[in-house]
Amino acid sequence: MEFGPNPEDQAFRGEARAWLRDNPPAGTRRDWERTLGEAGWIGLGWPEGGHGNRRATLTQQVAWAEEYAASGAPPRSGHIGENLLAPTLITHGSPDQKSRFLPPIARGEELWCQGYSEPGAGSDLAGVRTAAVRDTPDTYRITGQKIWTSLAHEADWCFVLVRTDPDSHRHHGLTFLLVPMDQPGRVEVRPIRQLTGTSDFNEVFFDGASARAEHVVGGEGDGWRVAMSLLGFERGVSTLAQQIGFARELGDVVRAAVATGAASDPVVRDRLVAQWAELRAMRWNALRTLGAAADPGAPSVAKLLWGRWHQRLGELAMQVRGAAGAVGPTDWSPEAPYELDPFQHLFLFSRADTVYGGSDQIQRTVIAERVLGLPKEPRGPKG
């Protein structure tokens, strides 16, 4: 694929930049999603139109993602619905499911979260135990717990990987089910407080929660195939936008190194140059994989690259700050969240980069088994 600029892409980038400049975010994050939806900026990458979304080429999607990140606009609340669920429905959903769920996502009216990980089934997703029982011809009852669920406290819906065959093991007998979150007494969301003092993730408890049989995606028992397909959509154009944020963080660290005199240390200088060079390499690798044929290892390679890179940047930020980086606020109390400076937040939050979204161990296993063809990892007598 040729990623050089052409007049159409340059015009698209200019339109995106001008719109973001003239429409600064206002109101709540949900308000901002609706604003984006009204202007047609949600669903640019969908292969289907007609849902209120603009159509854009891959290079134009890259331009929008980069301009959005560069504008300093807030993190998207609708990312999970737009970039994960929607492509999955377009690939595996029924016509009724597409017509029901895609337009509200495109308008920014319905927000989604992902119900995959569980306390005993994090990166090893095949260990899912949350159960769904068909209690009537039209409904399921769901019982179990999900964890590390991003945006569950804001979401209207959750796509949940459940076990519909109680006698099944591993990836057999799983079903991909769309579940409404507004079920008081049946769906409970508990925020998880992190090292940073914030709560970006949640626990979700299902106690007889109801879901409709018509909201099974791909058919009962076919959940593993649908879930794996969704994970293939998880890292794509959004990786390039993420790298814009990484570049901004790296620039802040470089400026701090110059201001504090840390840049005079040749070891620090070498690390700064290495971080810059590695970030450039990640960008070109991301562009290469976007334009290449489907590669089952590409998402895992990308995750391994940026997870470790971001952790090293956090460590470098603390090295540049010196002893002052270890000093927290003096007015902290258990009742009040503490405030971290940007470098402290970067360091602490990046500790999780090699765990969430699939741990490094799991990514290496995917590469070994699906790309290199190495023998599968032993998984016990029922694996």
Foldseek 3Di string as FASTA:
>chain_A
DDLDDDPVLVVLLVVLLVVCVVCPDDDDLLVVLLVCLCVQNFQQPPPDDDLSHDHDDPSNLLSNLQSCLVSVHDDHQACCVRQFVLNLCVVFNDPVVCVPRVNCSSSSNFGEKEFFADPVPALQRQQAAWAWECPDPWKTWTFDKGWQIFPLVPGQKYFHWHAHDNPAGGLWRIWTFIFGQPDPPAKDWAFDQFPQLDGRIIMIGGDRGMGTPSRTTNDGGCHSVSVLVSLLSVDASNLSSVLSVVVVLLVVLVVLLVVQVVCVPVVLVVLSVVLVVLSVVLNVLRVVCNPDPDDQLSVLVSLVSVLVSLLSSLVSSDVSVDPVQVDFDPPDDPVDGGHHDPSNCSNRVSVCSQPHSRHNVSSVQSCVCVPVVHDHDDDPPND
